[in-house]
């Protein structure tokens, strides 16, 4: 269920559980309604399995959103480090440097804007960065810490962290995508066998099973291609 990610995003656990369970229940009900007259008792097991998958996908959306933010911030770290180093060297002022920073990642950009407000109000901008859940990449956190404290240290570009995140994402994709290929191959065969054994050859039966197949494949593809979507952004 990934409850930790819900807290980071300020989502109510009760509402998230209700939403995930509702999504699973609706999906299971649709599967059951389409297949109960064709597959009989098998449709109950199919509905439970697909409903569970739908529940997991909805519950893990916040976690995937945070992982996407971490990857985007790690990608942006080299540019952020280079621009911050130039600003610090040219202005000699950490306040001016903070006011000139920006980010393409929404969560990090919002955090930088809050730090700018702290700076303009004469407050310590490091208070906006310290312990903030908006900073998902360690390399980005190191850059911001060095800038706000003006320690004069070299700003690491985060290349190693980015490489590690990309390798981990690729490994996860290589693990998940064969699941989609397997389901895509065996699902139509199994459904057609059930139709043949049960002698359900009416147009309504075939169309119902086709709709169920599309729904299941869509859920499996969403699960299998999560890493690919993160890497392509």
Protein backbone atom coordinates (compact mmCIF):
# COMPACT_ATOMS: atom_id res chain seq x y z
CA UNK A 1 0.00 0.00 0.00
CA UNK A 2 3.03 2.32 0.40
CA UNK A 3 1.59 4.32 3.39
CA UNK A 4 4.90 6.21 3.84
CA UNK A 5 4.54 7.86 0.44
CA UNK A 6 1.00 8.89 1.30
CA UNK A 7 2.25 10.80 4.32
CA UNK A 8 4.97 12.52 2.29
CA UNK A 9 2.35 13.85 -0.13
CA UNK A 10 -0.04 14.81 2.65
CA UNK A 11 -2.65 12.26 1.61
CA UNK A 12 -5.10 10.90 4.14
CA UNK A 13 -4.46 7.17 4.70
CA UNK A 14 -8.17 6.59 5.25
CA UNK A 15 -9.09 8.25 1.97
CA UNK A 16 -6.31 6.49 0.07
CA UNK A 17 -7.39 3.10 1.40
CA UNK A 18 -11.00 3.89 0.54
CA UNK A 19 -10.03 5.02 -2.96
CA UNK A 20 -7.82 1.99 -3.62
CA UNK A 21 -10.40 -0.47 -2.29
CA UNK A 22 -13.17 1.26 -4.26
CA UNK A 23 -11.15 1.06 -7.48
CA UNK A 24 -10.49 -2.63 -6.88
CA UNK A 25 -14.13 -3.31 -6.02
CA UNK A 26 -15.44 -1.52 -9.11
CA UNK A 27 -12.98 -3.34 -11.34
CA UNK A 28 -13.83 -6.70 -9.78
CA UNK A 29 -17.55 -5.99 -10.16
CA UNK A 30 -17.11 -5.16 -13.85
CA UNK A 31 -15.13 -8.36 -14.44
CA UNK A 32 -17.73 -10.39 -12.58
CA UNK A 33 -20.62 -8.81 -14.47
CA UNK A 34 -19.00 -9.49 -17.84
CA UNK A 35 -17.91 -13.08 -17.15
CA UNK A 36 -20.22 -14.68 -14.56
CA UNK A 37 -22.54 -16.02 -17.24
CA UNK A 38 -19.65 -17.35 -19.31
CA UNK A 39 -17.01 -18.60 -16.89
CA UNK A 40 -19.16 -19.45 -13.89
CA UNK A 41 -17.18 -19.94 -10.69
CA UNK A 42 -13.89 -19.12 -12.44
CA UNK A 43 -15.11 -15.55 -12.91
CA UNK A 44 -15.01 -15.01 -9.13
CA UNK A 45 -11.32 -15.90 -8.94
CA UNK A 46 -10.60 -13.77 -12.00
CA UNK A 47 -12.49 -10.81 -10.51
CA UNK A 48 -10.59 -11.08 -7.20
CA UNK A 49 -7.22 -11.24 -8.97
CA UNK A 50 -7.92 -8.30 -11.28
CA UNK A 51 -9.52 -6.28 -8.48
CA UNK A 52 -6.42 -6.83 -6.33
CA UNK A 53 -4.20 -5.63 -9.18
CA UNK A 54 -6.31 -2.50 -9.61
CA UNK A 55 -6.14 -1.81 -5.87
CA UNK A 56 -2.35 -2.11 -5.92
CA UNK A 57 -2.00 0.23 -8.90
CA UNK A 58 -4.10 2.95 -7.27
CA UNK A 59 -2.40 2.57 -3.88
CA UNK A 60 1.09 2.75 -5.41
CA UNK A 61 0.44 5.88 -7.50
CA UNK A 62 1.92 8.23 -4.84
CA UNK A 63 5.05 6.07 -4.55
CA UNK A 64 5.56 6.10 -8.31
CA UNK A 65 5.05 9.88 -8.31
CA UNK A 66 7.80 10.33 -5.71
CA UNK A 67 10.13 8.00 -7.60
CA UNK A 68 9.53 10.06 -10.74
CA UNK A 69 10.38 13.24 -8.84
CA UNK A 70 13.61 11.70 -7.54
CA UNK A 71 14.66 10.70 -11.04
CA UNK A 72 13.86 14.12 -12.50
CA UNK A 73 15.76 15.88 -9.71
CA UNK A 74 18.78 13.62 -10.16
CA UNK A 75 18.73 14.38 -13.89
CA UNK A 76 18.61 18.10 -13.15
CA UNK A 77 21.36 17.99 -10.49
CA UNK A 78 24.30 18.58 -12.91
CA UNK A 79 22.62 21.67 -14.36
CA UNK A 80 21.65 22.92 -10.90
CA UNK A 81 25.20 22.43 -9.60
CA UNK A 82 26.75 24.21 -12.57
CA UNK A 83 24.41 27.20 -12.43
CA UNK A 84 24.74 27.52 -8.65
CA UNK A 85 28.54 27.43 -8.88
CA UNK A 86 28.52 30.16 -11.53
CA UNK A 87 26.12 32.33 -9.52
CA UNK A 88 28.17 31.92 -6.32
CA UNK A 89 31.41 32.78 -8.10
CA UNK A 90 30.02 35.77 -9.98
CA UNK A 91 27.96 37.34 -7.20
CA UNK A 92 29.82 36.16 -4.11
CA UNK A 93 26.49 36.11 -2.32
CA UNK A 94 24.47 33.10 -1.30
CA UNK A 95 21.30 35.21 -1.07
CA UNK A 96 21.59 36.36 -4.68
CA UNK A 97 22.45 32.84 -5.75
CA UNK A 98 19.31 31.46 -4.13
CA UNK A 99 17.19 34.14 -5.77
CA UNK A 100 18.57 33.14 -9.19
CA UNK A 101 17.99 29.39 -8.83
CA UNK A 102 15.09 27.60 -10.50
CA UNK A 103 14.03 24.05 -11.28
CA UNK A 104 11.96 22.26 -13.90
CA UNK A 105 10.73 19.71 -11.36
CA UNK A 106 7.52 21.07 -9.75
CA UNK A 107 8.16 19.93 -6.17
CA UNK A 108 11.73 21.19 -6.13
CA UNK A 109 10.75 24.46 -7.82
CA UNK A 110 8.11 25.07 -5.16
CA UNK A 111 10.72 24.48 -2.46
CA UNK A 112 13.16 26.89 -4.11
CA UNK A 113 10.43 29.53 -4.30
CA UNK A 114 9.82 29.17 -0.56
CA UNK A 115 13.54 29.56 0.06
CA UNK A 116 13.51 32.74 -2.02
CA UNK A 117 10.71 34.13 0.15
CA UNK A 118 12.71 33.28 3.28
CA UNK A 119 15.71 35.09 1.80
CA UNK A 120 13.71 38.21 0.94
CA UNK A 121 12.25 38.25 4.44
CA UNK A 122 15.72 38.05 5.97
CA UNK A 123 15.22 34.51 7.28
CA UNK A 124 17.68 31.66 6.98
CA UNK A 125 16.88 29.94 3.66
CA UNK A 126 18.40 26.68 4.89
CA UNK A 127 15.35 26.29 7.13
CA UNK A 128 13.23 25.82 4.01
CA UNK A 129 15.49 23.09 2.66
CA UNK A 130 16.41 21.14 5.80
CA UNK A 131 14.35 17.97 6.15
CA UNK A 132 12.03 18.88 3.29
CA UNK A 133 10.28 15.91 1.72
CA UNK A 134 10.24 17.76 -1.61
CA UNK A 135 13.94 16.99 -2.13
CA UNK A 136 13.95 13.38 -3.34
CA UNK A 137 17.51 13.11 -4.70
CA UNK A 138 20.53 13.10 -2.38
CA UNK A 139 22.67 14.94 -4.93
CA UNK A 140 20.12 17.75 -5.11
CA UNK A 141 19.96 17.95 -1.31
CA UNK A 142 23.75 18.26 -1.17
CA UNK A 143 23.79 21.05 -3.73
CA UNK A 144 21.10 23.05 -1.95
CA UNK A 145 22.80 22.56 1.42
CA UNK A 146 26.12 23.78 0.05
CA UNK A 147 24.50 26.84 -1.52
CA UNK A 148 22.48 27.91 1.52
CA UNK A 149 25.43 27.56 3.87
CA UNK A 150 27.98 29.02 1.41
CA UNK A 151 30.59 26.53 2.51
CA UNK A 152 32.72 27.10 -0.57
CA UNK A 153 32.85 23.40 -1.31
CA UNK A 154 32.63 21.90 -4.75
CA UNK A 155 29.05 21.27 -5.82
CA UNK A 156 28.76 17.62 -6.82
CA UNK A 157 26.77 17.11 -10.00
CA UNK A 158 25.07 13.91 -8.84
CA UNK A 159 26.12 11.91 -11.88
CA UNK A 160 26.79 8.76 -9.88
CA UNK A 161 23.40 8.90 -8.20
CA UNK A 162 21.67 9.41 -11.54
CA UNK A 163 23.50 6.46 -13.07
CA UNK A 164 22.50 4.29 -10.13
CA UNK A 165 18.85 5.32 -10.37
CA UNK A 166 18.74 4.68 -14.11
CA UNK A 167 20.34 1.24 -13.69
CA UNK A 168 17.88 0.35 -10.93
CA UNK A 169 14.96 1.52 -13.06
CA UNK A 170 16.16 -0.49 -16.05
CA UNK A 171 16.60 -3.59 -13.89
CA UNK A 172 13.07 -3.19 -12.54
CA UNK A 173 11.72 -2.75 -16.06
CA UNK A 174 13.52 -5.88 -17.25
CA UNK A 175 11.88 -7.77 -14.40
CA UNK A 176 8.35 -6.49 -14.96
CA UNK A 177 7.99 -6.32 -18.73
CA UNK A 178 8.19 -10.11 -19.28
CA UNK A 179 5.10 -10.34 -17.06
CA UNK A 180 3.18 -8.32 -19.63
CA UNK A 181 4.47 -10.47 -22.48
CA UNK A 182 3.48 -13.66 -20.65
CA UNK A 183 -0.02 -12.42 -19.83
CA UNK A 184 -0.48 -11.13 -23.39
CA UNK A 185 0.40 -14.55 -24.77
CA UNK A 186 -1.54 -16.83 -22.43
CA UNK A 187 -4.62 -14.74 -21.57
CA UNK A 188 -6.34 -14.92 -25.00
CA UNK A 189 -5.59 -18.64 -25.21
CA UNK A 190 -7.05 -19.38 -21.79
CA UNK A 191 -10.17 -17.29 -22.38
CA UNK A 192 -10.81 -18.93 -25.73
CA UNK A 193 -10.36 -22.38 -24.19
CA UNK A 194 -12.90 -21.52 -21.50
CA UNK A 195 -15.32 -20.35 -24.19
CA UNK A 196 -14.80 -23.53 -26.19
CA UNK A 197 -15.19 -25.85 -23.20
CA UNK A 198 -18.32 -24.06 -22.05
CA UNK A 199 -19.73 -23.80 -25.59
CA UNK A 200 -20.25 -20.05 -25.19
CA UNK A 201 -20.01 -19.04 -28.81
CA UNK A 202 -22.57 -16.24 -28.87
CA UNK A 203 -21.63 -12.75 -29.98
CA UNK A 204 -22.33 -11.31 -26.52
CA UNK A 205 -20.05 -13.84 -24.86
CA UNK A 206 -17.17 -13.18 -27.25
CA UNK A 207 -17.54 -9.39 -26.91
CA UNK A 208 -17.68 -9.63 -23.11
CA UNK A 209 -14.51 -11.68 -22.96
CA UNK A 210 -12.82 -9.31 -25.40
CA UNK A 211 -13.66 -6.37 -23.12
CA UNK A 212 -12.34 -8.26 -20.10
CA UNK A 213 -9.14 -9.10 -21.97
CA UNK A 214 -8.56 -5.45 -22.89
CA UNK A 215 -9.12 -4.36 -19.27
CA UNK A 216 -6.72 -6.96 -17.87
CA UNK A 217 -4.03 -6.20 -20.45
CA UNK A 218 -4.35 -2.48 -19.72
CA UNK A 219 -3.81 -3.08 -15.99
CA UNK A 220 -0.84 -5.36 -16.63
CA UNK A 221 0.68 -2.86 -19.06
CA UNK A 222 0.31 -0.06 -16.50
CA UNK A 223 2.15 -2.19 -13.96
CA UNK A 224 4.85 -3.37 -16.36
CA UNK A 225 5.61 -0.03 -18.02
CA UNK A 226 5.90 2.16 -14.92
CA UNK A 227 9.72 2.21 -15.10
CA UNK A 228 9.70 2.91 -18.84
CA UNK A 229 7.48 5.97 -18.27
CA UNK A 230 9.83 7.29 -15.59
CA UNK A 231 12.89 6.94 -17.83
CA UNK A 232 11.21 8.52 -20.85
CA UNK A 233 10.27 11.75 -19.04
